[in-house]
């Protein structure tokens, strides 16, 4: 019994010695290990962006400084490609705003969200779900009042809330801001 106890103590001491040695080796190489971890994080981020791009068939857009957006066959990245109708969108070159009208079937909201997401995705270094010849601009900020409410029973307070948001957005906006308004007449 005593011999077994001694062997257990020897084993524990050996484990401690090995852990101490390993800890000392890690401490000696801390700077190199931290550099390797940062590199692995960067590579993981790059590969994740690539995998995401493959999932929604993304393409690298041309990024410009001019006040212009040109999207061909753009799709909302979260929508099924088989059901989504591709968006053809162009603004700039004398056109400062676009008004989208039509029946309440969700296409208008999806269209403006697709434009905004395309710009923001490109600005974040992501590919966009559109054709190769698509062009986007980098904006200093994107301000939006998206009224996804589709109810006929909306009250005046909802309308007042939209108007307050719109006035605030217009007060903040400058020539470097992408502004999105949806459901302006709601309520």
C-alpha atoms as a PDB file:
ATOM      1  CA  UNK A   1       0.000   0.000   0.000  1.00  0.00           C
ATOM      2  CA  UNK A   2       2.800   2.429   0.908  1.00  0.00           C
ATOM      3  CA  UNK A   3       4.612   1.724  -2.350  1.00  0.00           C
ATOM      4  CA  UNK A   4       1.417   2.572  -4.279  1.00  0.00           C
ATOM      5  CA  UNK A   5       1.117   5.859  -2.360  1.00  0.00           C
ATOM      6  CA  UNK A   6       4.733   6.732  -3.138  1.00  0.00           C
ATOM      7  CA  UNK A   7       4.154   6.021  -6.830  1.00  0.00           C
ATOM      8  CA  UNK A   8       1.089   8.290  -6.827  1.00  0.00           C
ATOM      9  CA  UNK A   9       3.095  11.069  -5.156  1.00  0.00           C
ATOM     10  CA  UNK A  10       5.906  10.585  -7.705  1.00  0.00           C
ATOM     11  CA  UNK A  11       3.336  10.756 -10.502  1.00  0.00           C
ATOM     12  CA  UNK A  12       1.850  14.000  -9.128  1.00  0.00           C
ATOM     13  CA  UNK A  13       5.322  15.503  -8.786  1.00  0.00           C
ATOM     14  CA  UNK A  14       6.172  14.539 -12.371  1.00  0.00           C
ATOM     15  CA  UNK A  15       2.930  16.090 -13.636  1.00  0.00           C
ATOM     16  CA  UNK A  16       3.717  19.320 -11.741  1.00  0.00           C
ATOM     17  CA  UNK A  17       7.280  19.360 -13.124  1.00  0.00           C
ATOM     18  CA  UNK A  18       6.041  18.908 -16.701  1.00  0.00           C
ATOM     19  CA  UNK A  19       3.380  21.622 -16.275  1.00  0.00           C
ATOM     20  CA  UNK A  20       5.955  23.982 -14.771  1.00  0.00           C
ATOM     21  CA  UNK A  21       8.313  23.388 -17.722  1.00  0.00           C
ATOM     22  CA  UNK A  22       5.528  23.905 -20.255  1.00  0.00           C
ATOM     23  CA  UNK A  23       4.384  27.093 -18.500  1.00  0.00           C
ATOM     24  CA  UNK A  24       7.953  28.397 -18.536  1.00  0.00           C
ATOM     25  CA  UNK A  25       8.239  27.636 -22.286  1.00  0.00           C
ATOM     26  CA  UNK A  26       4.972  29.458 -22.985  1.00  0.00           C
ATOM     27  CA  UNK A  27       6.119  32.449 -20.919  1.00  0.00           C
ATOM     28  CA  UNK A  28       9.457  32.573 -22.795  1.00  0.00           C
ATOM     29  CA  UNK A  29       7.637  32.587 -26.147  1.00  0.00           C
ATOM     30  CA  UNK A  30       4.722  34.821 -25.173  1.00  0.00           C
ATOM     31  CA  UNK A  31       5.401  37.517 -27.793  1.00  0.00           C
ATOM     32  CA  UNK A  32       5.669  34.993 -30.630  1.00  0.00           C
ATOM     33  CA  UNK A  33       2.535  33.159 -29.472  1.00  0.00           C
ATOM     34  CA  UNK A  34       0.550  36.432 -29.276  1.00  0.00           C
ATOM     35  CA  UNK A  35       1.732  37.369 -32.788  1.00  0.00           C
ATOM     36  CA  UNK A  36       0.683  33.936 -34.076  1.00  0.00           C
ATOM     37  CA  UNK A  37      -2.731  34.261 -32.434  1.00  0.00           C
ATOM     38  CA  UNK A  38      -3.285  37.697 -34.051  1.00  0.00           C
ATOM     39  CA  UNK A  39      -2.295  36.243 -37.431  1.00  0.00           C
ATOM     40  CA  UNK A  40      -4.643  33.277 -36.975  1.00  0.00           C
ATOM     41  CA  UNK A  41      -7.467  35.717 -36.109  1.00  0.00           C
ATOM     42  CA  UNK A  42      -6.792  37.703 -39.294  1.00  0.00           C
ATOM     43  CA  UNK A  43      -6.680  34.560 -41.412  1.00  0.00           C
ATOM     44  CA  UNK A  44      -9.858  33.254 -39.803  1.00  0.00           C
ATOM     45  CA  UNK A  45     -11.568  36.577 -40.572  1.00  0.00           C
ATOM     46  CA  UNK A  46     -10.393  36.496 -44.205  1.00  0.00           C
ATOM     47  CA  UNK A  47     -11.501  32.890 -44.723  1.00  0.00           C
ATOM     48  CA  UNK A  48     -14.851  33.622 -43.038  1.00  0.00           C
ATOM     49  CA  UNK A  49     -15.467  36.514 -45.435  1.00  0.00           C
ATOM     50  CA  UNK A  50     -14.623  34.232 -48.355  1.00  0.00           C
ATOM     51  CA  UNK A  51     -16.929  31.479 -47.128  1.00  0.00           C
ATOM     52  CA  UNK A  52     -19.752  33.983 -46.617  1.00  0.00           C
ATOM     53  CA  UNK A  53     -19.195  35.373 -50.122  1.00  0.00           C
ATOM     54  CA  UNK A  54     -19.449  31.878 -51.583  1.00  0.00           C
ATOM     55  CA  UNK A  55     -22.736  31.303 -49.750  1.00  0.00           C
ATOM     56  CA  UNK A  56     -24.468  34.254 -51.403  1.00  0.00           C
ATOM     57  CA  UNK A  57     -22.447  34.226 -54.646  1.00  0.00           C
ATOM     58  CA  UNK A  58     -20.749  37.533 -53.838  1.00  0.00           C
ATOM     59  CA  UNK A  59     -18.662  39.641 -56.189  1.00  0.00           C
ATOM     60  CA  UNK A  60     -16.120  42.353 -55.555  1.00  0.00           C
ATOM     61  CA  UNK A  61     -17.701  45.728 -56.319  1.00  0.00           C
ATOM     62  CA  UNK A  62     -15.826  48.729 -57.604  1.00  0.00           C
ATOM     63  CA  UNK A  63     -15.598  51.233 -54.758  1.00  0.00           C
ATOM     64  CA  UNK A  64     -15.541  54.887 -55.776  1.00  0.00           C
ATOM     65  CA  UNK A  65     -15.445  58.279 -54.083  1.00  0.00           C
ATOM     66  CA  UNK A  66     -18.008  59.838 -56.394  1.00  0.00           C
ATOM     67  CA  UNK A  67     -21.637  60.274 -55.369  1.00  0.00           C
ATOM     68  CA  UNK A  68     -22.874  57.313 -57.382  1.00  0.00           C
ATOM     69  CA  UNK A  69     -24.224  53.784 -56.833  1.00  0.00           C
ATOM     70  CA  UNK A  70     -24.647  51.342 -59.687  1.00  0.00           C
ATOM     71  CA  UNK A  71     -25.957  47.858 -58.855  1.00  0.00           C
ATOM     72  CA  UNK A  72     -26.653  45.166 -61.435  1.00  0.00           C
ATOM     73  CA  UNK A  73     -28.507  41.989 -60.506  1.00  0.00           C
ATOM     74  CA  UNK A  74     -28.149  42.836 -56.818  1.00  0.00           C
ATOM     75  CA  UNK A  75     -29.903  40.650 -54.266  1.00  0.00           C
ATOM     76  CA  UNK A  76     -30.518  40.937 -50.559  1.00  0.00           C
ATOM     77  CA  UNK A  77     -27.877  38.617 -49.025  1.00  0.00           C
ATOM     78  CA  UNK A  78     -30.378  36.867 -46.756  1.00  0.00           C
ATOM     79  CA  UNK A  79     -32.944  36.107 -49.447  1.00  0.00           C
ATOM     80  CA  UNK A  80     -33.099  32.853 -51.381  1.00  0.00           C
ATOM     81  CA  UNK A  81     -31.477  33.411 -54.787  1.00  0.00           C
ATOM     82  CA  UNK A  82     -34.067  31.191 -56.454  1.00  0.00           C
ATOM     83  CA  UNK A  83     -36.980  33.413 -55.376  1.00  0.00           C
ATOM     84  CA  UNK A  84     -35.373  36.844 -55.189  1.00  0.00           C
ATOM     85  CA  UNK A  85     -35.864  39.072 -58.222  1.00  0.00           C
ATOM     86  CA  UNK A  86     -32.492  40.772 -58.918  1.00  0.00           C
ATOM     87  CA  UNK A  87     -32.406  44.545 -58.460  1.00  0.00           C
ATOM     88  CA  UNK A  88     -31.162  46.938 -61.138  1.00  0.00           C
ATOM     89  CA  UNK A  89     -30.342  50.217 -59.373  1.00  0.00           C
ATOM     90  CA  UNK A  90     -28.562  53.403 -60.350  1.00  0.00           C
ATOM     91  CA  UNK A  91     -28.232  56.765 -58.612  1.00  0.00           C
ATOM     92  CA  UNK A  92     -25.833  59.631 -59.181  1.00  0.00           C
ATOM     93  CA  UNK A  93     -24.759  61.482 -62.304  1.00  0.00           C
ATOM     94  CA  UNK A  94     -27.404  64.168 -61.740  1.00  0.00           C
ATOM     95  CA  UNK A  95     -29.855  61.973 -59.806  1.00  0.00           C
ATOM     96  CA  UNK A  96     -29.747  62.741 -56.069  1.00  0.00           C
ATOM     97  CA  UNK A  97     -32.739  60.721 -54.935  1.00  0.00           C
ATOM     98  CA  UNK A  98     -34.937  57.826 -55.948  1.00  0.00           C
ATOM     99  CA  UNK A  99     -38.609  57.316 -55.109  1.00  0.00           C
ATOM    100  CA  UNK A 100     -39.862  53.733 -55.270  1.00  0.00           C
ATOM    101  CA  UNK A 101     -43.619  53.237 -55.448  1.00  0.00           C
ATOM    102  CA  UNK A 102     -45.850  50.249 -55.871  1.00  0.00           C
ATOM    103  CA  UNK A 103     -48.258  47.883 -54.083  1.00  0.00           C
ATOM    104  CA  UNK A 104     -47.608  46.539 -50.586  1.00  0.00           C
ATOM    105  CA  UNK A 105     -45.742  43.356 -51.444  1.00  0.00           C
ATOM    106  CA  UNK A 106     -42.427  44.037 -49.711  1.00  0.00           C
ATOM    107  CA  UNK A 107     -40.327  44.712 -52.794  1.00  0.00           C
ATOM    108  CA  UNK A 108     -39.767  48.398 -52.080  1.00  0.00           C
ATOM    109  CA  UNK A 109     -38.375  47.809 -48.598  1.00  0.00           C
ATOM    110  CA  UNK A 110     -36.207  44.930 -49.811  1.00  0.00           C
ATOM    111  CA  UNK A 111     -34.883  47.167 -52.614  1.00  0.00           C
ATOM    112  CA  UNK A 112     -33.745  49.994 -50.335  1.00  0.00           C
ATOM    113  CA  UNK A 113     -32.299  47.550 -47.811  1.00  0.00           C
ATOM    114  CA  UNK A 114     -30.404  45.818 -50.635  1.00  0.00           C
ATOM    115  CA  UNK A 115     -28.865  49.134 -51.725  1.00  0.00           C
ATOM    116  CA  UNK A 116     -27.850  50.064 -48.183  1.00  0.00           C
ATOM    117  CA  UNK A 117     -26.513  46.588 -47.369  1.00  0.00           C
ATOM    118  CA  UNK A 118     -24.493  46.508 -50.587  1.00  0.00           C
ATOM    119  CA  UNK A 119     -22.801  49.797 -49.690  1.00  0.00           C
ATOM    120  CA  UNK A 120     -22.172  48.785 -46.077  1.00  0.00           C
ATOM    121  CA  UNK A 121     -20.946  45.301 -46.990  1.00  0.00           C
ATOM    122  CA  UNK A 122     -18.442  46.720 -49.492  1.00  0.00           C
ATOM    123  CA  UNK A 123     -17.336  49.290 -46.938  1.00  0.00           C
ATOM    124  CA  UNK A 124     -16.653  46.419 -44.501  1.00  0.00           C
ATOM    125  CA  UNK A 125     -14.510  44.608 -47.069  1.00  0.00           C
ATOM    126  CA  UNK A 126     -17.155  42.063 -48.023  1.00  0.00           C
ATOM    127  CA  UNK A 127     -18.214  41.017 -51.486  1.00  0.00           C
ATOM    128  CA  UNK A 128     -21.750  41.969 -52.453  1.00  0.00           C
ATOM    129  CA  UNK A 129     -24.436  39.755 -53.987  1.00  0.00           C
ATOM    130  CA  UNK A 130     -24.441  41.530 -57.368  1.00  0.00           C
ATOM    131  CA  UNK A 131     -22.700  41.414 -60.743  1.00  0.00           C
ATOM    132  CA  UNK A 132     -19.007  42.230 -61.106  1.00  0.00           C
ATOM    133  CA  UNK A 133     -19.623  45.588 -62.770  1.00  0.00           C
ATOM    134  CA  UNK A 134     -21.499  46.962 -59.730  1.00  0.00           C
ATOM    135  CA  UNK A 135     -20.173  50.174 -58.233  1.00  0.00           C
ATOM    136  CA  UNK A 136     -20.728  51.500 -54.723  1.00  0.00           C
ATOM    137  CA  UNK A 137     -19.679  54.546 -52.791  1.00  0.00           C
ATOM    138  CA  UNK A 138     -18.259  54.699 -49.293  1.00  0.00           C
ATOM    139  CA  UNK A 139     -20.468  56.830 -47.059  1.00  0.00           C
ATOM    140  CA  UNK A 140     -19.451  58.375 -43.746  1.00  0.00           C
ATOM    141  CA  UNK A 141     -22.764  57.140 -42.365  1.00  0.00           C
ATOM    142  CA  UNK A 142     -26.087  55.617 -43.302  1.00  0.00           C
ATOM    143  CA  UNK A 143     -29.201  57.067 -41.689  1.00  0.00           C
ATOM    144  CA  UNK A 144     -32.555  55.351 -42.041  1.00  0.00           C
ATOM    145  CA  UNK A 145     -36.162  55.475 -40.998  1.00  0.00           C
ATOM    146  CA  UNK A 146     -37.512  52.090 -42.021  1.00  0.00           C
ATOM    147  CA  UNK A 147     -41.218  51.759 -41.266  1.00  0.00           C
ATOM    148  CA  UNK A 148     -41.868  48.062 -41.751  1.00  0.00           C
ATOM    149  CA  UNK A 149     -45.368  48.403 -40.303  1.00  0.00           C
ATOM    150  CA  UNK A 150     -47.950  47.291 -42.847  1.00  0.00           C
ATOM    151  CA  UNK A 151     -51.056  47.800 -40.696  1.00  0.00           C
ATOM    152  CA  UNK A 152     -53.950  50.039 -41.806  1.00  0.00           C
ATOM    153  CA  UNK A 153     -54.663  50.737 -38.149  1.00  0.00           C
ATOM    154  CA  UNK A 154     -51.534  52.827 -37.567  1.00  0.00           C
ATOM    155  CA  UNK A 155     -52.156  55.856 -35.432  1.00  0.00           C
ATOM    156  CA  UNK A 156     -51.166  59.517 -35.726  1.00  0.00           C
ATOM    157  CA  UNK A 157     -48.458  58.891 -33.096  1.00  0.00           C
ATOM    158  CA  UNK A 158     -46.745  56.510 -35.542  1.00  0.00           C
ATOM    159  CA  UNK A 159     -46.851  59.211 -38.221  1.00  0.00           C
ATOM    160  CA  UNK A 160     -45.543  61.804 -35.737  1.00  0.00           C
ATOM    161  CA  UNK A 161     -42.743  59.448 -34.762  1.00  0.00           C
ATOM    162  CA  UNK A 162     -41.733  59.041 -38.422  1.00  0.00           C
ATOM    163  CA  UNK A 163     -41.769  62.809 -38.929  1.00  0.00           C
ATOM    164  CA  UNK A 164     -39.620  63.352 -35.823  1.00  0.00           C
ATOM    165  CA  UNK A 165     -37.110  60.737 -37.079  1.00  0.00           C
ATOM    166  CA  UNK A 166     -37.055  62.273 -40.561  1.00  0.00           C
ATOM    167  CA  UNK A 167     -36.458  65.802 -39.230  1.00  0.00           C
ATOM    168  CA  UNK A 168     -33.621  64.459 -37.048  1.00  0.00           C
ATOM    169  CA  UNK A 169     -32.064  62.558 -39.955  1.00  0.00           C
ATOM    170  CA  UNK A 170     -32.236  65.566 -42.278  1.00  0.00           C
ATOM    171  CA  UNK A 171     -30.639  67.697 -39.544  1.00  0.00           C
ATOM    172  CA  UNK A 172     -27.693  65.282 -39.241  1.00  0.00           C
ATOM    173  CA  UNK A 173     -27.197  64.476 -42.924  1.00  0.00           C
ATOM    174  CA  UNK A 174     -24.504  65.948 -45.124  1.00  0.00           C
ATOM    175  CA  UNK A 175     -23.235  65.238 -48.637  1.00  0.00           C
ATOM    176  CA  UNK A 176     -21.462  62.117 -47.373  1.00  0.00           C
ATOM    177  CA  UNK A 177     -24.586  60.442 -45.929  1.00  0.00           C
ATOM    178  CA  UNK A 178     -26.783  57.755 -47.451  1.00  0.00           C
ATOM    179  CA  UNK A 179     -30.365  58.400 -46.329  1.00  0.00           C
ATOM    180  CA  UNK A 180     -33.107  55.776 -46.526  1.00  0.00           C
ATOM    181  CA  UNK A 181     -36.764  56.511 -45.857  1.00  0.00           C
ATOM    182  CA  UNK A 182     -39.376  53.785 -46.025  1.00  0.00           C
ATOM    183  CA  UNK A 183     -43.142  54.003 -45.539  1.00  0.00           C
ATOM    184  CA  UNK A 184     -43.080  57.822 -45.332  1.00  0.00           C
ATOM    185  CA  UNK A 185     -46.863  58.079 -45.374  1.00  0.00           C
ATOM    186  CA  UNK A 186     -47.431  55.400 -42.744  1.00  0.00           C
ATOM    187  CA  UNK A 187     -49.989  56.349 -40.110  1.00  0.00           C
END
